[in-house]
């Protein structure tokens, strides 16, 4: 039986993974620890095989006032936890990073794409990766996950914004774009495989097929029994608009598919 400690109690991804692994209660024992009050520093990690670090700051508007918080949580805390995990004899450390570290709004990303984060969120995540990398050795393996947009029941972030729009607006642009995304159950199964195989290295998990934003909005509306009219009327305007929000919603941004 593998013992897994999720650092980040009550987080969406951490809670989802805990539920997912409970289906295999004969193979995994899962605990969580809250990172907010600092009590985690006194917890003994030595009884665990794996630490899955999901604690982080996301889905809040970046301001001058919260810049330090992004780096304190998404960079410094990552290193502190990884260092403690290694000192306490943990064999595997899994860090949930982000596609944001590439700083791209459109394009194709491969494992060879050089990160160039634009947001403090992305910069802090990348710096967190760089800080923990030297800790890896023959007894302490590190797996870094850079998932694209995560969606599923109860999730937060960009998916929630799309869901709200789908339920409020009677129309939506019909643009055939491609986005890499990953459904929460698929991400949980991916993490399970990383644990099972004791994998290390960089991973870019995604659904088998790319997602079209318009198709997703239509599916969300249908799921809630709402009719939404898809129109190409706005397409010419959206194609020439160089606005970040437009690119994030309707542009093509994908991870290269593995051959």
Protein backbone atom coordinates (compact mmCIF):
# COMPACT_ATOMS: atom_id res chain seq x y z
CA UNK A 1 0.00 0.00 0.00
CA UNK A 2 1.29 3.46 -0.92
CA UNK A 3 0.86 6.31 1.52
CA UNK A 4 0.26 9.71 -0.07
CA UNK A 5 0.26 13.12 1.57
CA UNK A 6 -1.55 15.92 -0.28
CA UNK A 7 -0.23 19.33 0.78
CA UNK A 8 -3.16 21.68 0.32
CA UNK A 9 -6.24 20.65 2.28
CA UNK A 10 -9.60 21.53 0.71
CA UNK A 11 -8.06 22.38 -2.67
CA UNK A 12 -10.17 21.36 -5.67
CA UNK A 13 -7.51 19.17 -7.25
CA UNK A 14 -6.30 17.72 -3.96
CA UNK A 15 -9.84 16.83 -2.84
CA UNK A 16 -10.60 15.34 -6.26
CA UNK A 17 -7.49 13.15 -6.17
CA UNK A 18 -8.31 12.00 -2.65
CA UNK A 19 -11.78 10.90 -3.76
CA UNK A 20 -10.36 9.23 -6.86
CA UNK A 21 -7.80 7.19 -4.93
CA UNK A 22 -10.35 6.15 -2.31
CA UNK A 23 -11.85 3.92 -4.99
CA UNK A 24 -8.68 1.86 -4.56
CA UNK A 25 -8.60 1.80 -0.75
CA UNK A 26 -6.63 -1.44 -0.75
CA UNK A 27 -3.77 0.24 -2.64
CA UNK A 28 -3.58 3.79 -1.31
CA UNK A 29 -3.81 5.58 1.99
CA UNK A 30 -4.32 9.33 1.50
CA UNK A 31 -3.94 12.16 4.01
CA UNK A 32 -4.09 15.91 3.53
CA UNK A 33 -2.46 18.74 5.43
CA UNK A 34 -3.44 22.41 5.58
CA UNK A 35 -0.66 24.76 4.52
CA UNK A 36 -2.19 28.06 5.61
CA UNK A 37 -1.24 28.27 9.29
CA UNK A 38 2.26 26.81 9.18
CA UNK A 39 1.45 23.76 11.32
CA UNK A 40 2.53 21.53 8.41
CA UNK A 41 6.14 22.30 9.40
CA UNK A 42 5.68 20.22 12.56
CA UNK A 43 4.10 17.27 10.77
CA UNK A 44 6.21 14.17 10.31
CA UNK A 45 6.32 13.28 6.60
CA UNK A 46 8.42 10.17 7.14
CA UNK A 47 5.49 7.76 7.12
CA UNK A 48 4.58 8.61 3.52
CA UNK A 49 5.86 7.44 0.15
CA UNK A 50 4.63 10.39 -1.92
CA UNK A 51 3.96 14.08 -1.40
CA UNK A 52 1.62 15.68 -3.92
CA UNK A 53 1.99 19.44 -3.62
CA UNK A 54 -1.08 21.28 -4.88
CA UNK A 55 -1.20 24.26 -2.51
CA UNK A 56 -1.01 27.52 -4.40
CA UNK A 57 -2.53 30.91 -5.17
CA UNK A 58 -4.62 31.06 -8.35
CA UNK A 59 -7.84 32.51 -9.77
CA UNK A 60 -7.43 35.86 -8.08
CA UNK A 61 -6.71 39.11 -9.89
CA UNK A 62 -3.05 40.05 -9.76
CA UNK A 63 -2.39 43.42 -8.14
CA UNK A 64 0.61 45.33 -6.79
CA UNK A 65 -0.60 44.44 -3.31
CA UNK A 66 -0.61 40.66 -3.80
CA UNK A 67 2.58 40.25 -5.85
CA UNK A 68 4.59 39.09 -2.83
CA UNK A 69 1.91 36.54 -1.94
CA UNK A 70 2.23 34.84 -5.34
CA UNK A 71 5.97 34.30 -4.83
CA UNK A 72 5.66 33.38 -1.17
CA UNK A 73 3.10 30.64 -1.89
CA UNK A 74 3.77 29.50 -5.47
CA UNK A 75 7.57 29.57 -5.21
CA UNK A 76 8.98 29.71 -1.68
CA UNK A 77 6.45 27.34 -0.12
CA UNK A 78 7.05 24.80 -2.89
CA UNK A 79 10.75 24.69 -2.06
CA UNK A 80 10.15 24.54 1.70
CA UNK A 81 7.78 21.59 1.33
CA UNK A 82 10.04 19.74 -1.12
CA UNK A 83 13.05 20.26 1.14
CA UNK A 84 11.15 18.93 4.16
CA UNK A 85 9.87 15.98 2.12
CA UNK A 86 13.42 15.06 1.16
CA UNK A 87 14.75 15.48 4.70
CA UNK A 88 11.94 13.26 6.04
CA UNK A 89 12.78 10.48 3.57
CA UNK A 90 9.97 10.84 1.02
CA UNK A 91 10.73 8.95 -2.19
CA UNK A 92 8.60 10.92 -4.65
CA UNK A 93 7.55 14.58 -4.82
CA UNK A 94 4.88 15.62 -7.33
CA UNK A 95 4.53 19.33 -8.01
CA UNK A 96 1.45 20.75 -9.70
CA UNK A 97 2.76 23.55 -11.87
CA UNK A 98 0.88 25.15 -14.79
CA UNK A 99 0.73 25.76 -18.53
CA UNK A 100 0.98 29.45 -17.59
CA UNK A 101 4.74 29.15 -17.26
CA UNK A 102 5.00 29.33 -21.07
CA UNK A 103 3.38 32.78 -21.19
CA UNK A 104 1.63 31.94 -24.46
CA UNK A 105 -1.91 32.88 -25.46
CA UNK A 106 -1.82 31.11 -28.83
CA UNK A 107 0.38 28.50 -30.47
CA UNK A 108 1.69 24.97 -30.05
CA UNK A 109 3.73 23.98 -27.00
CA UNK A 110 6.10 21.02 -26.84
CA UNK A 111 8.51 19.81 -24.17
CA UNK A 112 11.20 21.82 -26.00
CA UNK A 113 9.28 25.10 -25.79
CA UNK A 114 11.21 27.58 -23.66
CA UNK A 115 9.10 28.96 -20.76
CA UNK A 116 8.51 32.72 -20.84
CA UNK A 117 5.85 33.50 -18.22
CA UNK A 118 4.09 36.86 -18.37
CA UNK A 119 2.04 36.76 -15.15
CA UNK A 120 3.32 36.66 -11.58
CA UNK A 121 1.44 33.37 -11.23
CA UNK A 122 3.40 31.83 -14.10
CA UNK A 123 6.71 33.36 -13.04
CA UNK A 124 6.34 32.08 -9.47
CA UNK A 125 5.40 28.57 -10.65
CA UNK A 126 8.42 28.41 -12.96
CA UNK A 127 10.77 29.68 -10.26
CA UNK A 128 9.31 27.06 -7.92
CA UNK A 129 10.18 24.37 -10.47
CA UNK A 130 13.71 25.72 -10.80
CA UNK A 131 14.26 25.84 -7.04
CA UNK A 132 13.28 22.23 -6.41
CA UNK A 133 15.07 20.71 -9.41
CA UNK A 134 18.49 20.43 -7.66
CA UNK A 135 16.90 18.45 -4.81
CA UNK A 136 16.37 15.42 -7.07
CA UNK A 137 18.77 12.54 -6.65
CA UNK A 138 18.77 8.75 -6.60
CA UNK A 139 16.59 8.62 -3.47
CA UNK A 140 14.28 11.59 -4.15
CA UNK A 141 12.45 11.78 -7.46
CA UNK A 142 10.51 14.84 -8.64
CA UNK A 143 7.62 14.87 -11.12
CA UNK A 144 6.45 18.27 -12.42
CA UNK A 145 3.00 18.51 -13.98
CA UNK A 146 2.04 21.47 -16.19
CA UNK A 147 -1.65 20.90 -16.91
CA UNK A 148 -3.66 23.16 -19.23
CA UNK A 149 -7.11 24.40 -18.19
CA UNK A 150 -8.74 21.91 -15.83
CA UNK A 151 -12.49 21.45 -15.93
CA UNK A 152 -15.11 19.36 -14.20
CA UNK A 153 -17.83 19.51 -11.60
CA UNK A 154 -17.04 22.08 -8.92
CA UNK A 155 -13.92 23.47 -10.56
CA UNK A 156 -12.86 27.11 -10.48
CA UNK A 157 -11.12 29.50 -12.84
CA UNK A 158 -11.71 29.98 -16.56
CA UNK A 159 -14.14 27.07 -16.84
CA UNK A 160 -16.47 28.75 -14.35
CA UNK A 161 -16.41 31.93 -16.44
CA UNK A 162 -17.39 29.96 -19.54
CA UNK A 163 -20.13 28.19 -17.61
CA UNK A 164 -21.60 31.48 -16.36
CA UNK A 165 -21.57 32.90 -19.86
CA UNK A 166 -23.18 29.78 -21.32
CA UNK A 167 -26.02 29.98 -18.80
CA UNK A 168 -26.64 33.71 -19.16
CA UNK A 169 -26.11 34.59 -22.80
CA UNK A 170 -28.58 33.59 -25.57
CA UNK A 171 -25.79 33.65 -28.19
CA UNK A 172 -22.13 32.70 -28.47
CA UNK A 173 -19.58 33.01 -31.30
CA UNK A 174 -19.17 29.85 -33.35
CA UNK A 175 -15.41 29.67 -33.88
CA UNK A 176 -13.60 26.42 -34.55
CA UNK A 177 -10.52 26.73 -32.39
CA UNK A 178 -8.38 24.18 -30.57
CA UNK A 179 -7.48 24.28 -26.88
CA UNK A 180 -5.62 21.78 -24.74
CA UNK A 181 -7.66 21.04 -21.63
CA UNK A 182 -7.92 18.21 -19.14
CA UNK A 183 -10.96 16.88 -17.35
CA UNK A 184 -10.44 16.50 -13.60
CA UNK A 185 -10.95 12.71 -13.53
CA UNK A 186 -8.38 12.30 -16.30
CA UNK A 187 -5.92 14.43 -14.34
CA UNK A 188 -6.50 12.33 -11.23
CA UNK A 189 -5.93 9.11 -13.17
CA UNK A 190 -2.76 10.64 -14.63
CA UNK A 191 -1.45 11.45 -11.15
CA UNK A 192 -2.32 7.90 -10.07
CA UNK A 193 -0.17 6.52 -12.91
CA UNK A 194 2.70 8.84 -11.96
CA UNK A 195 2.49 7.42 -8.44
CA UNK A 196 2.15 3.81 -9.57
CA UNK A 197 5.14 4.02 -11.91
CA UNK A 198 7.19 6.19 -9.53
CA UNK A 199 7.80 8.50 -12.48
CA UNK A 200 10.03 11.55 -12.50
CA UNK A 201 10.51 14.40 -14.94
CA UNK A 202 8.29 16.89 -16.74
CA UNK A 203 4.74 16.01 -17.82
CA UNK A 204 2.21 17.89 -19.96
CA UNK A 205 -1.07 16.04 -19.34
CA UNK A 206 -4.11 16.74 -21.52
CA UNK A 207 -7.25 15.12 -22.91
CA UNK A 208 -6.76 12.85 -25.91
CA UNK A 209 -8.61 15.35 -28.11
CA UNK A 210 -8.34 19.12 -28.27
CA UNK A 211 -11.39 21.10 -27.15
CA UNK A 212 -13.26 23.71 -29.20
CA UNK A 213 -14.45 26.58 -26.96
CA UNK A 214 -17.74 26.97 -28.85
CA UNK A 215 -18.46 23.25 -28.59
CA UNK A 216 -17.74 23.32 -24.85
CA UNK A 217 -20.09 26.27 -24.27
CA UNK A 218 -22.80 24.50 -26.27
CA UNK A 219 -22.32 21.31 -24.21
CA UNK A 220 -22.49 23.27 -20.94
CA UNK A 221 -25.74 24.93 -22.02
CA UNK A 222 -27.26 21.61 -23.08
CA UNK A 223 -26.24 19.99 -19.81
CA UNK A 224 -28.27 22.63 -17.94
CA UNK A 225 -31.22 22.37 -20.33
CA UNK A 226 -30.57 25.80 -21.84
CA UNK A 227 -30.67 26.73 -25.53
CA UNK A 228 -27.86 28.86 -26.87
CA UNK A 229 -27.59 30.12 -30.44
CA UNK A 230 -24.15 29.75 -32.01
CA UNK A 231 -23.41 32.47 -34.56
CA UNK A 232 -20.55 33.28 -36.94
CA UNK A 233 -21.66 36.92 -37.13
CA UNK A 234 -18.88 38.15 -34.84
CA UNK A 235 -16.12 35.93 -36.24
CA UNK A 236 -14.47 38.52 -38.55
CA UNK A 237 -14.22 41.01 -35.70
CA UNK A 238 -12.90 38.47 -33.20
CA UNK A 239 -10.21 37.35 -35.65
CA UNK A 240 -8.74 40.84 -35.99
CA UNK A 241 -9.04 41.84 -32.34
CA UNK A 242 -5.67 41.51 -30.58
CA UNK A 243 -7.14 41.43 -27.10
CA UNK A 244 -5.80 39.06 -24.44
CA UNK A 245 -9.25 37.87 -23.38
CA UNK A 246 -10.27 37.12 -26.97
CA UNK A 247 -7.06 35.16 -27.57
CA UNK A 248 -7.50 33.19 -24.35
CA UNK A 249 -11.04 32.18 -25.28
CA UNK A 250 -10.97 31.80 -29.07
CA UNK A 251 -7.32 31.38 -30.00
CA UNK A 252 -5.56 28.06 -30.59
CA UNK A 253 -3.34 27.02 -27.67
CA UNK A 254 -2.35 23.38 -27.49
CA UNK A 255 0.20 20.96 -26.22
CA UNK A 256 1.74 18.99 -29.03
CA UNK A 257 0.28 15.49 -29.13
CA UNK A 258 2.65 12.67 -28.33
CA UNK A 259 3.32 10.36 -31.26
